[in-house]
Amino acid sequence: MNRFCIKCPTCGHPIESVLYNRGDAPIPCDVCKTKLTLHAMPALYRQAGLSGEALAAKLNDAVCFYHEGKTAEQVCDDCGRFLCGLCMLPIEQETLCASCLENRRTSDGMHAMTPRQMRYDKLAILLAAVSCFLVFFWFIPFVPIGIAMGALYVSIRHWKRKPPLAVGFRARMVVAAGLSVLSSVATILFAVFMFRTMINA
């Protein structure tokens, strides 16, 4: 059991320790659904049965950069400083010190900590644009209509999956849905017109 826990600033509900230090991907609160980004020192979420203190340094031991009397257990992957068990921050596959973590948050290196997310709005726009381009393939109408329905499905299915800081996400989804409907109707009308023209010729 944890000795301490982080609580949601909106409703005060405790956040499970397994959700700490997951990069900058927002984590929703179980109660109020507020999206949170949690970074905690390892000592905070270490289980009570485990040692919560850094080991005292012995003769000839490497010592922590921030605590001269503590044995270094890890090295920061960015600056190379020796870190004790209290100072090391495991972020995904890396170990960082608090200073380098803050530097990444305020610099261009932050993208390395942000999980890549699928941009469904751009996918929907791309499919809708392709379906509009294929309207004139009236002899195979199921192809543009199928692609348009794919764009419509992506727009509806992933309407709520807006990535953080994605400006214009919902607007692109609306445009993609509208284009997919228009291209489907235009494909059907154009195909009917062409077939009637061929029959009457």
Protein backbone atom coordinates (compact mmCIF):
# COMPACT_ATOMS: atom_id res chain seq x y z
CA MET A 1 0.00 0.00 0.00
CA ASN A 2 1.28 3.50 -0.77
CA ARG A 3 2.25 5.82 2.07
CA PHE A 4 1.17 8.85 0.05
CA CYS A 5 -1.03 9.43 -2.97
CA ILE A 6 -1.82 12.24 -5.38
CA LYS A 7 -5.40 13.46 -5.31
CA CYS A 8 -7.41 14.95 -8.16
CA PRO A 9 -7.33 18.77 -7.77
CA THR A 10 -10.97 18.98 -8.91
CA CYS A 11 -12.77 16.35 -6.82
CA GLY A 12 -10.10 15.15 -4.39
CA HIS A 13 -10.34 11.52 -5.47
CA PRO A 14 -7.04 9.59 -4.95
CA ILE A 15 -5.23 8.67 -8.17
CA GLU A 16 -3.79 5.16 -8.39
CA SER A 17 0.02 5.05 -8.34
CA VAL A 18 0.14 2.95 -11.53
CA LEU A 19 -0.94 6.08 -13.42
CA TYR A 20 2.04 8.19 -12.27
CA ASN A 21 4.93 9.03 -14.62
CA ARG A 22 3.34 8.00 -17.91
CA GLY A 23 4.84 10.81 -19.93
CA ASP A 24 2.60 13.74 -20.87
CA ALA A 25 -0.41 11.67 -21.99
CA PRO A 26 -3.40 12.99 -19.98
CA ILE A 27 -5.00 10.52 -17.55
CA PRO A 28 -8.72 11.00 -16.75
CA CYS A 29 -9.85 11.00 -13.13
CA ASP A 30 -12.12 8.02 -12.36
CA VAL A 31 -14.74 10.24 -10.72
CA CYS A 32 -14.88 13.67 -12.40
CA LYS A 33 -13.05 12.73 -15.65
CA THR A 34 -10.67 15.69 -15.31
CA LYS A 35 -7.61 15.03 -17.47
CA LEU A 36 -4.40 15.03 -15.43
CA THR A 37 -0.69 14.68 -16.16
CA LEU A 38 1.14 13.18 -13.19
CA HIS A 39 4.87 13.26 -12.49
CA ALA A 40 5.98 11.96 -9.10
CA MET A 41 9.31 11.25 -7.44
CA PRO A 42 9.78 7.47 -6.98
CA ALA A 43 9.74 7.78 -3.18
CA LEU A 44 6.15 9.01 -3.32
CA TYR A 45 4.62 5.97 -4.99
CA ARG A 46 7.02 3.31 -3.72
CA GLN A 47 5.13 0.59 -1.83
CA ALA A 48 5.29 0.66 1.96
CA GLY A 49 6.96 -2.75 2.14
CA LEU A 50 9.96 -1.47 0.18
CA SER A 51 12.71 0.83 1.35
CA GLY A 52 11.72 4.43 0.77
CA GLU A 53 15.14 5.89 1.54
CA ALA A 54 18.28 6.24 -0.50
CA LEU A 55 21.20 4.11 0.64
CA ALA A 56 23.92 5.82 2.62
CA ALA A 57 27.13 6.14 0.64
CA LYS A 58 30.13 4.07 1.66
CA LEU A 59 33.79 4.65 0.99
CA ASN A 60 34.60 4.82 -2.76
CA ASP A 61 30.89 4.68 -3.69
CA ALA A 62 29.53 7.00 -6.38
CA VAL A 63 27.29 9.53 -4.69
CA CYS A 64 24.11 11.29 -5.78
CA PHE A 65 24.55 14.72 -7.38
CA TYR A 66 21.80 16.17 -5.17
CA HIS A 67 22.50 14.16 -1.97
CA GLU A 68 26.23 13.85 -1.27
CA GLY A 69 25.73 11.26 1.44
CA LYS A 70 23.60 8.88 -0.64
CA THR A 71 24.77 6.12 -2.97
CA ALA A 72 24.08 6.68 -6.67
CA GLU A 73 21.80 4.03 -8.17
CA GLN A 74 21.16 5.42 -11.65
CA VAL A 75 22.53 7.96 -14.12
CA CYS A 76 20.35 10.61 -15.77
CA ASP A 77 20.04 9.79 -19.46
CA ASP A 78 20.17 13.47 -20.42
CA CYS A 79 22.80 15.17 -18.26
CA GLY A 80 24.70 12.15 -16.91
CA ARG A 81 24.34 13.12 -13.24
CA PHE A 82 24.45 10.34 -10.67
CA LEU A 83 21.10 9.90 -8.95
CA CYS A 84 20.05 8.12 -5.77
CA GLY A 85 16.79 6.23 -5.36
CA LEU A 86 14.98 9.38 -4.27
CA CYS A 87 16.04 11.52 -7.23
CA MET A 88 15.72 9.25 -10.26
CA LEU A 89 12.56 9.64 -12.31
CA PRO A 90 11.72 6.67 -14.56
CA ILE A 91 9.95 8.09 -17.63
CA GLU A 92 8.96 5.34 -20.07
CA GLN A 93 12.31 3.75 -21.09
CA GLU A 94 14.51 6.51 -19.66
CA THR A 95 15.72 7.73 -16.28
CA LEU A 96 15.79 11.50 -15.74
CA CYS A 97 16.58 13.90 -12.93
CA ALA A 98 14.06 16.57 -11.93
CA SER A 99 16.07 19.31 -13.69
CA CYS A 100 16.19 17.49 -17.04
CA LEU A 101 12.51 16.62 -16.79
CA GLU A 102 11.67 20.31 -16.41
CA ASN A 103 14.03 21.19 -19.29
CA ARG A 104 12.21 18.76 -21.55
CA ARG A 105 8.87 20.21 -20.60
CA THR A 106 9.99 23.69 -21.63
CA SER A 107 12.04 22.85 -24.72
CA ASP A 108 11.74 21.17 -28.11
CA GLY A 109 12.90 17.90 -26.55
CA MET A 110 9.47 17.41 -25.03
CA HIS A 111 8.34 15.49 -28.13
CA ALA A 112 10.49 12.58 -27.00
CA MET A 113 8.27 12.18 -23.92
CA THR A 114 4.97 12.50 -25.73
CA PRO A 115 3.46 9.28 -27.05
CA ARG A 116 2.62 9.40 -30.73
CA GLN A 117 -1.10 9.52 -31.37
CA MET A 118 -3.07 8.74 -34.48
CA ARG A 119 -4.52 11.90 -36.05
CA TYR A 120 -7.95 10.63 -36.99
CA ASP A 121 -9.05 14.06 -38.18
CA LYS A 122 -6.35 14.12 -40.85
CA LEU A 123 -7.14 10.52 -41.83
CA ALA A 124 -10.83 11.38 -42.24
CA ILE A 125 -9.99 14.46 -44.37
CA LEU A 126 -7.65 12.39 -46.55
CA LEU A 127 -10.27 9.68 -47.17
CA ALA A 128 -12.95 12.28 -47.92
CA ALA A 129 -10.66 14.08 -50.38
CA VAL A 130 -9.83 10.81 -52.16
CA SER A 131 -13.53 9.94 -52.43
CA CYS A 132 -14.22 13.36 -53.99
CA PHE A 133 -11.43 12.83 -56.51
CA LEU A 134 -12.86 9.43 -57.49
CA VAL A 135 -16.38 10.76 -58.17
CA PHE A 136 -15.69 10.67 -61.91
CA PHE A 137 -14.98 6.93 -61.76
CA TRP A 138 -18.70 6.42 -62.31
CA PHE A 139 -18.19 2.96 -63.85
CA ILE A 140 -16.99 1.65 -60.45
CA PRO A 141 -19.15 3.71 -58.05
CA PHE A 142 -18.64 1.34 -55.12
CA VAL A 143 -14.98 2.46 -54.79
CA PRO A 144 -15.53 6.20 -54.09
CA ILE A 145 -18.65 5.43 -52.07
CA GLY A 146 -16.75 2.88 -49.99
CA ILE A 147 -13.93 5.33 -49.31
CA ALA A 148 -16.44 8.07 -48.44
CA MET A 149 -18.19 5.75 -45.99
CA GLY A 150 -14.79 5.00 -44.47
CA ALA A 151 -14.22 8.74 -43.93
CA LEU A 152 -17.68 9.08 -42.39
CA TYR A 153 -17.03 6.12 -40.08
CA VAL A 154 -13.70 7.56 -38.90
CA SER A 155 -15.34 10.95 -38.27
CA ILE A 156 -18.10 9.47 -36.13
CA ARG A 157 -16.16 6.67 -34.44
CA HIS A 158 -13.24 8.84 -33.32
CA TRP A 159 -15.09 12.11 -32.71
CA LYS A 160 -14.05 12.19 -29.02
CA ARG A 161 -10.41 11.14 -29.49
CA LYS A 162 -9.00 14.64 -29.71
CA PRO A 163 -5.24 14.73 -29.01
CA PRO A 164 -3.97 17.42 -26.62
CA LEU A 165 -3.30 20.78 -28.31
CA ALA A 166 -4.80 19.56 -31.62
CA VAL A 167 -6.31 22.77 -33.00
CA GLY A 168 -9.19 22.34 -35.45
CA PHE A 169 -9.70 18.63 -34.73
CA ARG A 170 -13.51 18.72 -34.59
CA ALA A 171 -13.75 21.17 -37.49
CA ARG A 172 -11.80 18.78 -39.72
CA MET A 173 -14.04 15.92 -38.60
CA VAL A 174 -17.15 17.90 -39.59
CA VAL A 175 -15.65 18.84 -42.96
CA ALA A 176 -14.65 15.23 -43.62
CA ALA A 177 -18.14 13.96 -42.76
CA GLY A 178 -19.76 16.57 -45.00
CA LEU A 179 -17.43 15.83 -47.91
CA SER A 180 -18.00 12.10 -47.59
CA VAL A 181 -21.79 12.52 -47.77
CA LEU A 182 -21.55 14.94 -50.70
CA SER A 183 -19.14 12.72 -52.62
CA SER A 184 -21.38 9.68 -52.09
CA VAL A 185 -24.46 11.52 -53.38
CA ALA A 186 -22.49 13.02 -56.27
CA THR A 187 -21.10 9.59 -57.24
CA ILE A 188 -24.57 8.03 -57.31
CA LEU A 189 -26.11 10.89 -59.31
CA PHE A 190 -23.22 11.00 -61.77
CA ALA A 191 -23.30 7.22 -62.25
CA VAL A 192 -27.07 7.26 -62.88
CA PHE A 193 -26.69 10.15 -65.33
CA MET A 194 -23.91 8.40 -67.27
CA PHE A 195 -25.76 5.09 -67.45
CA ARG A 196 -28.91 6.80 -68.72
CA THR A 197 -26.86 8.69 -71.30
CA MET A 198 -25.35 5.44 -72.54
CA ILE A 199 -28.73 3.72 -72.70
CA ASN A 200 -30.39 6.59 -74.58
CA ALA A 201 -27.51 7.01 -77.01
